[in-house]
Amino acid sequence: GISEMYVKKGATLNFTMIHNWAEQIGVRPRTVIKVEEGG
């Protein structure tokens, strides 16, 4: 899972992630967030 998130000037992002997989599943998220002035 690739996630790219942009929080601009004075903005707010609340992000909740819940994982509930299975015993033989591999999980490789790759996430980068950019937060600007006052964000």
PDB file of all heavy atoms in Angstrom:
ATOM      1  N   GLY A   1       0.815  -1.214   0.000  1.00  0.00           N
ATOM      2  CA  GLY A   1       0.000   0.000   0.000  1.00  0.00           C
ATOM      3  C   GLY A   1       0.847   1.261   0.000  1.00  0.00           C
ATOM      4  O   GLY A   1       1.619   1.500   0.932  1.00  0.00           O
ATOM      5  N   ILE A   2       0.704   2.071  -1.044  1.00  0.00           N
ATOM      6  CA  ILE A   2       1.434   3.339  -1.151  1.00  0.00           C
ATOM      7  C   ILE A   2       0.454   4.472  -0.857  1.00  0.00           C
ATOM      8  O   ILE A   2      -0.602   4.563  -1.482  1.00  0.00           O
ATOM      9  CB  ILE A   2       2.023   3.533  -2.566  1.00  0.00           C
ATOM     10  CG1 ILE A   2       2.810   2.293  -3.002  1.00  0.00           C
ATOM     11  CG2 ILE A   2       2.868   4.804  -2.616  1.00  0.00           C
ATOM     12  CD1 ILE A   2       3.938   1.900  -2.091  1.00  0.00           C
ATOM     13  N   SER A   3       0.813   5.342   0.075  1.00  0.00           N
ATOM     14  CA  SER A   3      -0.042   6.487   0.404  1.00  0.00           C
ATOM     15  C   SER A   3       0.783   7.763   0.413  1.00  0.00           C
ATOM     16  O   SER A   3       1.828   7.833   1.074  1.00  0.00           O
ATOM     17  CB  SER A   3      -0.704   6.295   1.770  1.00  0.00           C
ATOM     18  OG  SER A   3      -1.582   5.183   1.763  1.00  0.00           O
ATOM     19  N   GLU A   4       0.284   8.763  -0.334  1.00  0.00           N
ATOM     20  CA  GLU A   4       0.916  10.079  -0.389  1.00  0.00           C
ATOM     21  C   GLU A   4      -0.123  11.102   0.074  1.00  0.00           C
ATOM     22  O   GLU A   4      -1.207  11.203  -0.503  1.00  0.00           O
ATOM     23  CB  GLU A   4       1.387  10.387  -1.808  1.00  0.00           C
ATOM     24  CG  GLU A   4       2.384   9.349  -2.325  1.00  0.00           C
ATOM     25  CD  GLU A   4       2.857   9.630  -3.735  1.00  0.00           C
ATOM     26  OE1 GLU A   4       2.048   9.448  -4.679  1.00  0.00           O
ATOM     27  OE2 GLU A   4       4.026  10.022  -3.898  1.00  0.00           O
ATOM     28  N   MET A   5       0.217  11.839   1.125  1.00  0.00           N
ATOM     29  CA  MET A   5      -0.753  12.743   1.741  1.00  0.00           C
ATOM     30  C   MET A   5      -0.184  14.155   1.813  1.00  0.00           C
ATOM     31  O   MET A   5       0.966  14.352   2.239  1.00  0.00           O
ATOM     32  CB  MET A   5      -1.130  12.245   3.135  1.00  0.00           C
ATOM     33  CG  MET A   5      -1.686  10.828   3.133  1.00  0.00           C
ATOM     34  SD  MET A   5      -2.251  10.307   4.755  1.00  0.00           S
ATOM     35  CE  MET A   5      -2.653   8.576   4.423  1.00  0.00           C
ATOM     36  N   TYR A   6      -1.012  15.117   1.442  1.00  0.00           N
ATOM     37  CA  TYR A   6      -0.606  16.523   1.404  1.00  0.00           C
ATOM     38  C   TYR A   6      -1.535  17.337   2.303  1.00  0.00           C
ATOM     39  O   TYR A   6      -2.746  17.378   2.081  1.00  0.00           O
ATOM     40  CB  TYR A   6      -0.680  17.056  -0.024  1.00  0.00           C
ATOM     41  CG  TYR A   6       0.256  16.357  -0.992  1.00  0.00           C
ATOM     42  CD1 TYR A   6      -0.108  15.169  -1.607  1.00  0.00           C
ATOM     43  CD2 TYR A   6       1.505  16.904  -1.292  1.00  0.00           C
ATOM     44  CE1 TYR A   6       0.742  14.532  -2.501  1.00  0.00           C
ATOM     45  CE2 TYR A   6       2.369  16.272  -2.179  1.00  0.00           C
ATOM     46  CZ  TYR A   6       1.983  15.088  -2.781  1.00  0.00           C
ATOM     47  OH  TYR A   6       2.830  14.463  -3.664  1.00  0.00           O
ATOM     48  N   VAL A   7      -0.949  17.956   3.319  1.00  0.00           N
ATOM     49  CA  VAL A   7      -1.697  18.811   4.238  1.00  0.00           C
ATOM     50  C   VAL A   7      -1.229  20.243   3.999  1.00  0.00           C
ATOM     51  O   VAL A   7      -0.106  20.610   4.360  1.00  0.00           O
ATOM     52  CB  VAL A   7      -1.477  18.386   5.707  1.00  0.00           C
ATOM     53  CG1 VAL A   7      -2.310  19.259   6.647  1.00  0.00           C
ATOM     54  CG2 VAL A   7      -1.819  16.906   5.897  1.00  0.00           C
ATOM     55  N   LYS A   8      -2.078  21.038   3.385  1.00  0.00           N
ATOM     56  CA  LYS A   8      -1.685  22.386   2.977  1.00  0.00           C
ATOM     57  C   LYS A   8      -1.724  23.372   4.160  1.00  0.00           C
ATOM     58  O   LYS A   8      -2.046  23.016   5.285  1.00  0.00           O
ATOM     59  CB  LYS A   8      -2.593  22.868   1.839  1.00  0.00           C
ATOM     60  CG  LYS A   8      -2.542  21.993   0.580  1.00  0.00           C
ATOM     61  CD  LYS A   8      -1.183  22.020  -0.079  1.00  0.00           C
ATOM     62  CE  LYS A   8      -1.180  21.264  -1.411  1.00  0.00           C
ATOM     63  NZ  LYS A   8      -1.955  21.941  -2.463  1.00  0.00           N
ATOM     64  N   LYS A   9      -1.414  24.626   3.879  1.00  0.00           N
ATOM     65  CA  LYS A   9      -1.299  25.676   4.894  1.00  0.00           C
ATOM     66  C   LYS A   9      -2.566  25.746   5.756  1.00  0.00           C
ATOM     67  O   LYS A   9      -3.682  25.887   5.251  1.00  0.00           O
ATOM     68  CB  LYS A   9      -1.062  27.018   4.212  1.00  0.00           C
ATOM     69  CG  LYS A   9      -0.887  28.193   5.166  1.00  0.00           C
ATOM     70  CD  LYS A   9      -0.615  29.469   4.387  1.00  0.00           C
ATOM     71  CE  LYS A   9      -0.457  30.667   5.326  1.00  0.00           C
ATOM     72  NZ  LYS A   9      -0.198  31.926   4.568  1.00  0.00           N
ATOM     73  N   GLY A  10      -2.379  25.619   7.079  1.00  0.00           N
ATOM     74  CA  GLY A  10      -3.481  25.750   8.017  1.00  0.00           C
ATOM     75  C   GLY A  10      -4.509  24.640   7.963  1.00  0.00           C
ATOM     76  O   GLY A  10      -5.576  24.744   8.578  1.00  0.00           O
ATOM     77  N   ALA A  11      -4.219  23.555   7.265  1.00  0.00           N
ATOM     78  CA  ALA A  11      -5.171  22.446   7.121  1.00  0.00           C
ATOM     79  C   ALA A  11      -4.936  21.393   8.210  1.00  0.00           C
ATOM     80  O   ALA A  11      -3.893  21.369   8.873  1.00  0.00           O
ATOM     81  CB  ALA A  11      -5.046  21.819   5.737  1.00  0.00           C
ATOM     82  N   THR A  12      -5.929  20.495   8.373  1.00  0.00           N
ATOM     83  CA  THR A  12      -5.846  19.431   9.370  1.00  0.00           C
ATOM     84  C   THR A  12      -6.288  18.108   8.763  1.00  0.00           C
ATOM     85  O   THR A  12      -7.332  18.032   8.108  1.00  0.00           O
ATOM     86  CB  THR A  12      -6.746  19.741  10.585  1.00  0.00           C
ATOM     87  OG1 THR A  12      -6.310  20.955  11.205  1.00  0.00           O
ATOM     88  CG2 THR A  12      -6.683  18.614  11.607  1.00  0.00           C
ATOM     89  N   LEU A  13      -5.499  17.075   8.998  1.00  0.00           N
ATOM     90  CA  LEU A  13      -5.850  15.720   8.571  1.00  0.00           C
ATOM     91  C   LEU A  13      -5.698  14.778   9.756  1.00  0.00           C
ATOM     92  O   LEU A  13      -4.619  14.655  10.337  1.00  0.00           O
ATOM     93  CB  LEU A  13      -4.950  15.261   7.421  1.00  0.00           C
ATOM     94  CG  LEU A  13      -5.101  13.799   6.970  1.00  0.00           C
ATOM     95  CD1 LEU A  13      -6.521  13.484   6.558  1.00  0.00           C
ATOM     96  CD2 LEU A  13      -4.120  13.475   5.841  1.00  0.00           C
ATOM     97  N   ASN A  14      -6.818  14.122  10.118  1.00  0.00           N
ATOM     98  CA  ASN A  14      -6.811  13.072  11.130  1.00  0.00           C
ATOM     99  C   ASN A  14      -6.993  11.737  10.417  1.00  0.00           C
ATOM    100  O   ASN A  14      -8.013  11.513   9.752  1.00  0.00           O
ATOM    101  CB  ASN A  14      -7.946  13.282  12.136  1.00  0.00           C
ATOM    102  CG  ASN A  14      -7.734  14.510  12.996  1.00  0.00           C
ATOM    103  OD1 ASN A  14      -6.740  14.623  13.696  1.00  0.00           O
ATOM    104  ND2 ASN A  14      -8.670  15.454  12.930  1.00  0.00           N
ATOM    105  N   PHE A  15      -6.012  10.853  10.558  1.00  0.00           N
ATOM    106  CA  PHE A  15      -5.996   9.605   9.798  1.00  0.00           C
ATOM    107  C   PHE A  15      -5.876   8.422  10.752  1.00  0.00           C
ATOM    108  O   PHE A  15      -4.916   8.331  11.525  1.00  0.00           O
ATOM    109  CB  PHE A  15      -4.821   9.611   8.820  1.00  0.00           C
ATOM    110  CG  PHE A  15      -4.715   8.385   7.964  1.00  0.00           C
ATOM    111  CD1 PHE A  15      -5.538   8.226   6.860  1.00  0.00           C
ATOM    112  CD2 PHE A  15      -3.792   7.398   8.247  1.00  0.00           C
ATOM    113  CE1 PHE A  15      -5.450   7.089   6.055  1.00  0.00           C
ATOM    114  CE2 PHE A  15      -3.688   6.261   7.456  1.00  0.00           C
ATOM    115  CZ  PHE A  15      -4.520   6.112   6.357  1.00  0.00           C
ATOM    116  N   THR A  16      -6.864   7.531  10.709  1.00  0.00           N
ATOM    117  CA  THR A  16      -6.850   6.330  11.549  1.00  0.00           C
ATOM    118  C   THR A  16      -6.827   5.095  10.661  1.00  0.00           C
ATOM    119  O   THR A  16      -7.663   4.950   9.769  1.00  0.00           O
ATOM    120  CB  THR A  16      -8.083   6.290  12.471  1.00  0.00           C
ATOM    121  OG1 THR A  16      -8.031   7.401  13.376  1.00  0.00           O
ATOM    122  CG2 THR A  16      -8.109   4.995  13.280  1.00  0.00           C
ATOM    123  N   MET A  17      -5.870   4.200  10.905  1.00  0.00           N
ATOM    124  CA  MET A  17      -5.753   2.959  10.137  1.00  0.00           C
ATOM    125  C   MET A  17      -5.828   1.769  11.080  1.00  0.00           C
ATOM    126  O   MET A  17      -5.101   1.703  12.074  1.00  0.00           O
ATOM    127  CB  MET A  17      -4.437   2.912   9.353  1.00  0.00           C
ATOM    128  CG  MET A  17      -4.198   1.595   8.628  1.00  0.00           C
ATOM    129  SD  MET A  17      -2.672   1.582   7.665  1.00  0.00           S
ATOM    130  CE  MET A  17      -3.193   2.518   6.232  1.00  0.00           C
ATOM    131  N   ILE A  18      -6.737   0.830  10.754  1.00  0.00           N
ATOM    132  CA  ILE A  18      -6.900  -0.377  11.554  1.00  0.00           C
ATOM    133  C   ILE A  18      -6.547  -1.581  10.695  1.00  0.00           C
ATOM    134  O   ILE A  18      -7.114  -1.769   9.616  1.00  0.00           O
ATOM    135  CB  ILE A  18      -8.341  -0.514  12.094  1.00  0.00           C
ATOM    136  CG1 ILE A  18      -8.720   0.697  12.948  1.00  0.00           C
ATOM    137  CG2 ILE A  18      -8.480  -1.786  12.917  1.00  0.00           C
ATOM    138  CD1 ILE A  18      -9.625   1.676  12.285  1.00  0.00           C
ATOM    139  N   HIS A  19      -5.614  -2.394  11.168  1.00  0.00           N
ATOM    140  CA  HIS A  19      -5.219  -3.627  10.473  1.00  0.00           C
ATOM    141  C   HIS A  19      -5.807  -4.837  11.183  1.00  0.00           C
ATOM    142  O   HIS A  19      -5.706  -4.960  12.404  1.00  0.00           O
ATOM    143  CB  HIS A  19      -3.696  -3.758  10.448  1.00  0.00           C
ATOM    144  CG  HIS A  19      -3.046  -2.980   9.358  1.00  0.00           C
ATOM    145  ND1 HIS A  19      -1.700  -3.054   9.082  1.00  0.00           N
ATOM    146  CD2 HIS A  19      -3.557  -2.117   8.451  1.00  0.00           C
ATOM    147  CE1 HIS A  19      -1.408  -2.248   8.065  1.00  0.00           C
ATOM    148  NE2 HIS A  19      -2.513  -1.676   7.670  1.00  0.00           N
ATOM    149  N   ASN A  20      -6.421  -5.734  10.404  1.00  0.00           N
ATOM    150  CA  ASN A  20      -6.931  -6.997  10.936  1.00  0.00           C
ATOM    151  C   ASN A  20      -6.784  -8.037   9.826  1.00  0.00           C
ATOM    152  O   ASN A  20      -7.716  -8.319   9.083  1.00  0.00           O
ATOM    153  CB  ASN A  20      -8.388  -6.854  11.367  1.00  0.00           C
ATOM    154  CG  ASN A  20      -8.920  -8.119  12.030  1.00  0.00           C
ATOM    155  OD1 ASN A  20      -8.181  -9.085  12.241  1.00  0.00           O
ATOM    156  ND2 ASN A  20     -10.196  -8.122  12.357  1.00  0.00           N
ATOM    157  N   TRP A  21      -5.584  -8.590   9.687  1.00  0.00           N
ATOM    158  CA  TRP A  21      -5.269  -9.456   8.569  1.00  0.00           C
ATOM    159  C   TRP A  21      -5.455 -10.924   8.943  1.00  0.00           C
ATOM    160  O   TRP A  21      -6.414 -11.292   9.578  1.00  0.00           O
ATOM    161  CB  TRP A  21      -3.842  -9.171   8.076  1.00  0.00           C
ATOM    162  CG  TRP A  21      -3.646  -7.792   7.536  1.00  0.00           C
ATOM    163  CD1 TRP A  21      -3.030  -6.738   8.155  1.00  0.00           C
ATOM    164  CD2 TRP A  21      -4.082  -7.289   6.260  1.00  0.00           C
ATOM    165  NE1 TRP A  21      -3.046  -5.615   7.345  1.00  0.00           N
ATOM    166  CE2 TRP A  21      -3.686  -5.925   6.179  1.00  0.00           C
ATOM    167  CE3 TRP A  21      -4.765  -7.848   5.185  1.00  0.00           C
ATOM    168  CZ2 TRP A  21      -3.954  -5.140   5.065  1.00  0.00           C
ATOM    169  CZ3 TRP A  21      -5.024  -7.055   4.066  1.00  0.00           C
ATOM    170  CH2 TRP A  21      -4.625  -5.728   4.017  1.00  0.00           C
ATOM    171  N   ALA A  22      -4.545 -11.779   8.526  1.00  0.00           N
ATOM    172  CA  ALA A  22      -4.574 -13.205   8.847  1.00  0.00           C
ATOM    173  C   ALA A  22      -3.149 -13.664   9.108  1.00  0.00           C
ATOM    174  O   ALA A  22      -2.179 -12.949   8.822  1.00  0.00           O
ATOM    175  CB  ALA A  22      -5.213 -14.008   7.709  1.00  0.00           C
ATOM    176  N   GLU A  23      -3.006 -14.866   9.630  1.00  0.00           N
ATOM    177  CA  GLU A  23      -1.728 -15.302  10.192  1.00  0.00           C
ATOM    178  C   GLU A  23      -0.594 -15.440   9.183  1.00  0.00           C
ATOM    179  O   GLU A  23       0.573 -15.416   9.563  1.00  0.00           O
ATOM    180  CB  GLU A  23      -1.923 -16.616  10.946  1.00  0.00           C
ATOM    181  CG  GLU A  23      -2.790 -16.448  12.191  1.00  0.00           C
ATOM    182  CD  GLU A  23      -2.910 -17.723  12.991  1.00  0.00           C
ATOM    183  OE1 GLU A  23      -2.190 -18.696  12.666  1.00  0.00           O
ATOM    184  OE2 GLU A  23      -3.698 -17.752  13.946  1.00  0.00           O
ATOM    185  N   GLN A  24      -0.895 -15.573   7.895  1.00  0.00           N
ATOM    186  CA  GLN A  24       0.159 -15.738   6.897  1.00  0.00           C
ATOM    187  C   GLN A  24       0.148 -14.618   5.847  1.00  0.00           C
ATOM    188  O   GLN A  24       0.542 -14.828   4.705  1.00  0.00           O
ATOM    189  CB  GLN A  24       0.030 -17.103   6.221  1.00  0.00           C
ATOM    190  CG  GLN A  24       0.366 -18.267   7.129  1.00  0.00           C
ATOM    191  CD  GLN A  24       1.790 -18.184   7.662  1.00  0.00           C
ATOM    192  OE1 GLN A  24       2.731 -17.876   6.925  1.00  0.00           O
ATOM    193  NE2 GLN A  24       1.950 -18.453   8.948  1.00  0.00           N
ATOM    194  N   ILE A  25      -0.278 -13.438   6.237  1.00  0.00           N
ATOM    195  CA  ILE A  25      -0.313 -12.300   5.317  1.00  0.00           C
ATOM    196  C   ILE A  25       0.850 -11.347   5.624  1.00  0.00           C
ATOM    197  O   ILE A  25       1.127 -11.037   6.777  1.00  0.00           O
ATOM    198  CB  ILE A  25      -1.655 -11.551   5.410  1.00  0.00           C
ATOM    199  CG1 ILE A  25      -2.766 -12.439   4.817  1.00  0.00           C
ATOM    200  CG2 ILE A  25      -1.607 -10.215   4.663  1.00  0.00           C
ATOM    201  CD1 ILE A  25      -4.148 -11.827   4.859  1.00  0.00           C
ATOM    202  N   GLY A  26       1.534 -10.929   4.567  1.00  0.00           N
ATOM    203  CA  GLY A  26       2.596  -9.936   4.687  1.00  0.00           C
ATOM    204  C   GLY A  26       2.046  -8.554   4.324  1.00  0.00           C
ATOM    205  O   GLY A  26       1.272  -8.418   3.370  1.00  0.00           O
ATOM    206  N   VAL A  27       2.470  -7.551   5.059  1.00  0.00           N
ATOM    207  CA  VAL A  27       1.915  -6.202   4.891  1.00  0.00           C
ATOM    208  C   VAL A  27       3.067  -5.207   4.775  1.00  0.00           C
ATOM    209  O   VAL A  27       3.916  -5.120   5.664  1.00  0.00           O
ATOM    210  CB  VAL A  27       1.007  -5.836   6.090  1.00  0.00           C
ATOM    211  CG1 VAL A  27       0.331  -4.489   5.852  1.00  0.00           C
ATOM    212  CG2 VAL A  27      -0.040  -6.926   6.325  1.00  0.00           C
ATOM    213  N   ARG A  28       3.073  -4.457   3.663  1.00  0.00           N
ATOM    214  CA  ARG A  28       4.164  -3.523   3.402  1.00  0.00           C
ATOM    215  C   ARG A  28       3.617  -2.151   2.964  1.00  0.00           C
ATOM    216  O   ARG A  28       3.658  -1.786   1.807  1.00  0.00           O
ATOM    217  CB  ARG A  28       5.091  -4.095   2.314  1.00  0.00           C
ATOM    218  CG  ARG A  28       5.853  -5.359   2.744  1.00  0.00           C
ATOM    219  CD  ARG A  28       6.827  -5.042   3.849  1.00  0.00           C
ATOM    220  NE  ARG A  28       7.602  -6.196   4.287  1.00  0.00           N
ATOM    221  CZ  ARG A  28       7.280  -6.966   5.321  1.00  0.00           C
ATOM    222  NH1 ARG A  28       6.171  -6.725   6.008  1.00  0.00           N
ATOM    223  NH2 ARG A  28       8.059  -7.969   5.685  1.00  0.00           N
ATOM    224  N   PRO A  29       3.101  -1.357   3.916  1.00  0.00           N
ATOM    225  CA  PRO A  29       2.683   0.007   3.580  1.00  0.00           C
ATOM    226  C   PRO A  29       3.905   0.919   3.418  1.00  0.00           C
ATOM    227  O   PRO A  29       4.920   0.740   4.092  1.00  0.00           O
ATOM    228  CB  PRO A  29       1.852   0.444   4.792  1.00  0.00           C
ATOM    229  CG  PRO A  29       1.686  -0.782   5.639  1.00  0.00           C
ATOM    230  CD  PRO A  29       2.826  -1.678   5.309  1.00  0.00           C
ATOM    231  N   ARG A  30       3.782   1.880   2.527  1.00  0.00           N
ATOM    232  CA  ARG A  30       4.817   2.894   2.328  1.00  0.00           C
ATOM    233  C   ARG A  30       4.104   4.256   2.269  1.00  0.00           C
ATOM    234  O   ARG A  30       3.378   4.543   1.327  1.00  0.00           O
ATOM    235  CB  ARG A  30       5.597   2.639   1.036  1.00  0.00           C
ATOM    236  CG  ARG A  30       6.306   1.274   1.000  1.00  0.00           C
ATOM    237  CD  ARG A  30       7.447   1.238   1.993  1.00  0.00           C
ATOM    238  NE  ARG A  30       8.205  -0.013   1.977  1.00  0.00           N
ATOM    239  CZ  ARG A  30       8.063  -0.970   2.879  1.00  0.00           C
ATOM    240  NH1 ARG A  30       7.172  -0.851   3.857  1.00  0.00           N
ATOM    241  NH2 ARG A  30       8.818  -2.060   2.820  1.00  0.00           N
ATOM    242  N   THR A  31       4.307   5.072   3.309  1.00  0.00           N
ATOM    243  CA  THR A  31       3.525   6.299   3.472  1.00  0.00           C
ATOM    244  C   THR A  31       4.424   7.495   3.737  1.00  0.00           C
ATOM    245  O   THR A  31       5.320   7.423   4.589  1.00  0.00           O
ATOM    246  CB  THR A  31       2.533   6.147   4.643  1.00  0.00           C
ATOM    247  OG1 THR A  31       1.691   5.006   4.419  1.00  0.00           O
ATOM    248  CG2 THR A  31       1.673   7.395   4.796  1.00  0.00           C
ATOM    249  N   VAL A  32       4.174   8.593   3.014  1.00  0.00           N
ATOM    250  CA  VAL A  32       4.861   9.865   3.269  1.00  0.00           C
ATOM    251  C   VAL A  32       3.807  10.973   3.296  1.00  0.00           C
ATOM    252  O   VAL A  32       2.906  11.010   2.459  1.00  0.00           O
ATOM    253  CB  VAL A  32       5.936  10.176   2.210  1.00  0.00           C
ATOM    254  CG1 VAL A  32       6.615  11.511   2.518  1.00  0.00           C
ATOM    255  CG2 VAL A  32       6.981   9.054   2.149  1.00  0.00           C
ATOM    256  N   ILE A  33       3.953  11.859   4.271  1.00  0.00           N
ATOM    257  CA  ILE A  33       3.021  12.969   4.451  1.00  0.00           C
ATOM    258  C   ILE A  33       3.791  14.280   4.428  1.00  0.00           C
ATOM    259  O   ILE A  33       4.833  14.400   5.091  1.00  0.00           O
ATOM    260  CB  ILE A  33       2.269  12.852   5.800  1.00  0.00           C
ATOM    261  CG1 ILE A  33       1.564  11.489   5.903  1.00  0.00           C
ATOM    262  CG2 ILE A  33       1.262  13.997   5.954  1.00  0.00           C
ATOM    263  CD1 ILE A  33       2.357  10.441   6.646  1.00  0.00           C
ATOM    264  N   LYS A  34       3.296  15.248   3.683  1.00  0.00           N
ATOM    265  CA  LYS A  34       3.893  16.581   3.634  1.00  0.00           C
ATOM    266  C   LYS A  34       2.942  17.560   4.314  1.00  0.00           C
ATOM    267  O   LYS A  34       1.779  17.683   3.925  1.00  0.00           O
ATOM    268  CB  LYS A  34       4.151  17.010   2.193  1.00  0.00           C
ATOM    269  CG  LYS A  34       4.738  18.414   2.054  1.00  0.00           C
ATOM    270  CD  LYS A  34       4.911  18.795   0.587  1.00  0.00           C
ATOM    271  CE  LYS A  34       5.438  20.216   0.441  1.00  0.00           C
ATOM    272  NZ  LYS A  34       5.586  20.598  -0.995  1.00  0.00           N
ATOM    273  N   VAL A  35       3.443  18.275   5.344  1.00  0.00           N
ATOM    274  CA  VAL A  35       2.618  19.220   6.088  1.00  0.00           C
ATOM    275  C   VAL A  35       3.193  20.621   5.918  1.00  0.00           C
ATOM    276  O   VAL A  35       4.351  20.878   6.255  1.00  0.00           O
ATOM    277  CB  VAL A  35       2.556  18.855   7.588  1.00  0.00           C
ATOM    278  CG1 VAL A  35       1.559  19.765   8.315  1.00  0.00           C
ATOM    279  CG2 VAL A  35       2.168  17.388   7.781  1.00  0.00           C
ATOM    280  N   GLU A  36       2.360  21.520   5.410  1.00  0.00           N
ATOM    281  CA  GLU A  36       2.806  22.887   5.157  1.00  0.00           C
ATOM    282  C   GLU A  36       2.562  23.789   6.369  1.00  0.00           C
ATOM    283  O   GLU A  36       2.117  23.336   7.430  1.00  0.00           O
ATOM    284  CB  GLU A  36       2.097  23.429   3.908  1.00  0.00           C
ATOM    285  CG  GLU A  36       2.461  22.667   2.642  1.00  0.00           C
ATOM    286  CD  GLU A  36       1.827  23.245   1.387  1.00  0.00           C
ATOM    287  OE1 GLU A  36       1.178  24.321   1.478  1.00  0.00           O
ATOM    288  OE2 GLU A  36       1.963  22.631   0.312  1.00  0.00           O
ATOM    289  N   GLU A  37       2.820  25.072   6.217  1.00  0.00           N
ATOM    290  CA  GLU A  37       2.782  26.054   7.298  1.00  0.00           C
ATOM    291  C   GLU A  37       1.471  25.987   8.097  1.00  0.00           C
ATOM    292  O   GLU A  37       0.378  26.063   7.542  1.00  0.00           O
ATOM    293  CB  GLU A  37       2.943  27.456   6.712  1.00  0.00           C
ATOM    294  CG  GLU A  37       2.896  28.580   7.737  1.00  0.00           C
ATOM    295  CD  GLU A  37       2.988  29.957   7.096  1.00  0.00           C
ATOM    296  OE1 GLU A  37       3.322  30.030   5.890  1.00  0.00           O
ATOM    297  OE2 GLU A  37       2.721  30.944   7.776  1.00  0.00           O
ATOM    298  N   GLY A  38       1.609  25.821   9.416  1.00  0.00           N
ATOM    299  CA  GLY A  38       0.448  25.817  10.296  1.00  0.00           C
ATOM    300  C   GLY A  38      -0.466  24.613  10.149  1.00  0.00           C
ATOM    301  O   GLY A  38      -1.538  24.569  10.755  1.00  0.00           O
ATOM    302  N   GLY A  39      -0.054  23.630   9.370  1.00  0.00           N
ATOM    303  CA  GLY A  39      -0.871  22.430   9.164  1.00  0.00           C
ATOM    304  C   GLY A  39      -0.695  21.426  10.296  1.00  0.00           C
ATOM    305  O   GLY A  39       0.290  21.457  11.037  1.00  0.00           O
TER     306      GLY A  39
END
